[in-house]
Amino acid sequence: RDTSLAGTAVLEWNDADFTGDTITLNLATGSTAEWDLVKTGGTTVYNKFDVRVDGVSILPENIDIDDKIADGAYAGWGFTDDGGTLKFKNLA
């Protein structure tokens, strides 16, 4: 199963197990601090993510929660679960 998210909308995923799934995030440029992507609840398990900004992948490969992008324009950025909200932000 592949799930695609667009823009900066915050979606609600409750009691969802995404093990083995890929979630592609298509983010519009314009936000420089962080993106709030998903409000989570229950037993949500994140798996792998690919990030595309303006349709162009900014990751050489999929990334796990709390791992930082190694290089490029978004070096030091990554995904984190912050108080029940999945965020894409600068983790440096």
C-alpha atoms as a PDB file:
ATOM      1  CA  ARG A   1       0.000   0.000   0.000  1.00  0.00           C
ATOM      2  CA  ASP A   2       1.329   3.431  -0.896  1.00  0.00           C
ATOM      3  CA  THR A   3      -0.127   6.584   0.613  1.00  0.00           C
ATOM      4  CA  SER A   4       0.565   9.989  -0.889  1.00  0.00           C
ATOM      5  CA  LEU A   5       0.170  13.212   1.082  1.00  0.00           C
ATOM      6  CA  ALA A   6       0.219  16.637  -0.512  1.00  0.00           C
ATOM      7  CA  GLY A   7       0.836  20.131   0.774  1.00  0.00           C
ATOM      8  CA  THR A   8       0.970  20.909   4.483  1.00  0.00           C
ATOM      9  CA  ALA A   9      -2.390  19.541   5.619  1.00  0.00           C
ATOM     10  CA  VAL A  10      -2.420  17.659   8.898  1.00  0.00           C
ATOM     11  CA  LEU A  11      -4.100  14.288   8.443  1.00  0.00           C
ATOM     12  CA  GLU A  12      -5.553  12.029  11.117  1.00  0.00           C
ATOM     13  CA  TRP A  13      -4.280   8.426  11.269  1.00  0.00           C
ATOM     14  CA  ASN A  14      -5.603   6.460  14.218  1.00  0.00           C
ATOM     15  CA  ASP A  15      -4.707   2.907  15.182  1.00  0.00           C
ATOM     16  CA  ALA A  16      -2.916   2.435  11.870  1.00  0.00           C
ATOM     17  CA  ASP A  17       0.047   0.087  11.473  1.00  0.00           C
ATOM     18  CA  PHE A  18       2.118   1.166   8.458  1.00  0.00           C
ATOM     19  CA  THR A  19       4.725  -1.597   8.773  1.00  0.00           C
ATOM     20  CA  GLY A  20       5.786  -2.604   5.270  1.00  0.00           C
ATOM     21  CA  ASP A  21       4.103   0.432   3.715  1.00  0.00           C
ATOM     22  CA  THR A  22       5.643   3.426   1.947  1.00  0.00           C
ATOM     23  CA  ILE A  23       4.318   6.936   2.478  1.00  0.00           C
ATOM     24  CA  THR A  24       5.357   9.524  -0.095  1.00  0.00           C
ATOM     25  CA  LEU A  25       5.057  13.128   1.046  1.00  0.00           C
ATOM     26  CA  ASN A  26       4.706  15.742  -1.683  1.00  0.00           C
ATOM     27  CA  LEU A  27       5.430  19.021   0.089  1.00  0.00           C
ATOM     28  CA  ALA A  28       5.072  22.465  -1.437  1.00  0.00           C
ATOM     29  CA  THR A  29       7.964  24.868  -0.897  1.00  0.00           C
ATOM     30  CA  GLY A  30       7.475  27.938   1.249  1.00  0.00           C
ATOM     31  CA  SER A  31       7.762  26.540   4.768  1.00  0.00           C
ATOM     32  CA  THR A  32      11.227  26.854   6.256  1.00  0.00           C
ATOM     33  CA  ALA A  33      10.769  25.848   9.901  1.00  0.00           C
ATOM     34  CA  GLU A  34       8.895  22.534   9.851  1.00  0.00           C
ATOM     35  CA  TRP A  35       5.859  20.742   8.472  1.00  0.00           C
ATOM     36  CA  ASP A  36       3.201  19.159  10.722  1.00  0.00           C
ATOM     37  CA  LEU A  37       2.099  16.183   8.652  1.00  0.00           C
ATOM     38  CA  VAL A  38      -0.033  13.775  10.641  1.00  0.00           C
ATOM     39  CA  LYS A  39      -1.764  13.773  14.010  1.00  0.00           C
ATOM     40  CA  THR A  40      -1.400  10.281  15.395  1.00  0.00           C
ATOM     41  CA  GLY A  41      -3.222   8.231  17.956  1.00  0.00           C
ATOM     42  CA  GLY A  42      -3.550   4.713  19.265  1.00  0.00           C
ATOM     43  CA  THR A  43      -0.928   2.258  18.055  1.00  0.00           C
ATOM     44  CA  THR A  44       0.313   4.053  14.964  1.00  0.00           C
ATOM     45  CA  VAL A  45       3.621   2.599  13.760  1.00  0.00           C
ATOM     46  CA  TYR A  46       5.655   4.593  11.245  1.00  0.00           C
ATOM     47  CA  ASN A  47       7.708   2.748   8.687  1.00  0.00           C
ATOM     48  CA  LYS A  48       9.599   4.313   5.760  1.00  0.00           C
ATOM     49  CA  PHE A  49       9.137   7.709   4.160  1.00  0.00           C
ATOM     50  CA  ASP A  50      10.186   9.429   0.959  1.00  0.00           C
ATOM     51  CA  VAL A  51      10.018  13.215   0.715  1.00  0.00           C
ATOM     52  CA  ARG A  52       9.404  15.146  -2.489  1.00  0.00           C
ATOM     53  CA  VAL A  53       9.517  18.933  -2.626  1.00  0.00           C
ATOM     54  CA  ASP A  54       7.886  20.402  -5.728  1.00  0.00           C
ATOM     55  CA  GLY A  55       7.813  16.884  -7.172  1.00  0.00           C
ATOM     56  CA  VAL A  56      11.555  16.256  -6.770  1.00  0.00           C
ATOM     57  CA  SER A  57      12.822  13.686  -4.276  1.00  0.00           C
ATOM     58  CA  ILE A  58      15.181  15.229  -1.734  1.00  0.00           C
ATOM     59  CA  LEU A  59      16.254  11.878  -0.284  1.00  0.00           C
ATOM     60  CA  PRO A  60      18.681   9.393  -1.848  1.00  0.00           C
ATOM     61  CA  GLU A  61      16.601   6.639  -0.244  1.00  0.00           C
ATOM     62  CA  ASN A  62      13.746   6.221   2.201  1.00  0.00           C
ATOM     63  CA  ILE A  63      14.375   7.414   5.746  1.00  0.00           C
ATOM     64  CA  ASP A  64      13.303   6.173   9.171  1.00  0.00           C
ATOM     65  CA  ILE A  65      11.887   8.178  12.068  1.00  0.00           C
ATOM     66  CA  ASP A  66      14.499  10.372  13.816  1.00  0.00           C
ATOM     67  CA  ASP A  67      17.181   9.705  11.156  1.00  0.00           C
ATOM     68  CA  LYS A  68      18.629  12.809   9.519  1.00  0.00           C
ATOM     69  CA  ILE A  69      19.063  13.402   5.799  1.00  0.00           C
ATOM     70  CA  ALA A  70      22.816  13.152   5.207  1.00  0.00           C
ATOM     71  CA  ASP A  71      23.391  15.828   2.563  1.00  0.00           C
ATOM     72  CA  GLY A  72      21.767  18.189   0.095  1.00  0.00           C
ATOM     73  CA  ALA A  73      19.444  21.135   0.656  1.00  0.00           C
ATOM     74  CA  TYR A  74      17.678  19.389   3.548  1.00  0.00           C
ATOM     75  CA  ALA A  75      20.752  17.934   5.298  1.00  0.00           C
ATOM     76  CA  GLY A  76      19.960  17.545   8.990  1.00  0.00           C
ATOM     77  CA  TRP A  77      16.193  17.388   8.393  1.00  0.00           C
ATOM     78  CA  GLY A  78      14.069  14.327   9.086  1.00  0.00           C
ATOM     79  CA  PHE A  79      10.884  12.932  10.580  1.00  0.00           C
ATOM     80  CA  THR A  80      10.047  12.953  14.273  1.00  0.00           C
ATOM     81  CA  ASP A  81       6.988  12.160  16.375  1.00  0.00           C
ATOM     82  CA  ASP A  82       6.472  15.270  18.497  1.00  0.00           C
ATOM     83  CA  GLY A  83       3.680  14.852  21.039  1.00  0.00           C
ATOM     84  CA  GLY A  84       1.467  12.810  18.721  1.00  0.00           C
ATOM     85  CA  THR A  85       2.184  14.819  15.572  1.00  0.00           C
ATOM     86  CA  LEU A  86       4.436  13.475  12.841  1.00  0.00           C
ATOM     87  CA  LYS A  87       6.711  16.338  11.772  1.00  0.00           C
ATOM     88  CA  PHE A  88       9.269  16.891   9.049  1.00  0.00           C
ATOM     89  CA  LYS A  89      11.736  19.372  10.516  1.00  0.00           C
ATOM     90  CA  ASN A  90      15.365  20.281  11.068  1.00  0.00           C
ATOM     91  CA  LEU A  91      16.695  17.756  13.591  1.00  0.00           C
ATOM     92  CA  ALA A  92      20.214  19.208  13.726  1.00  0.00           C
END
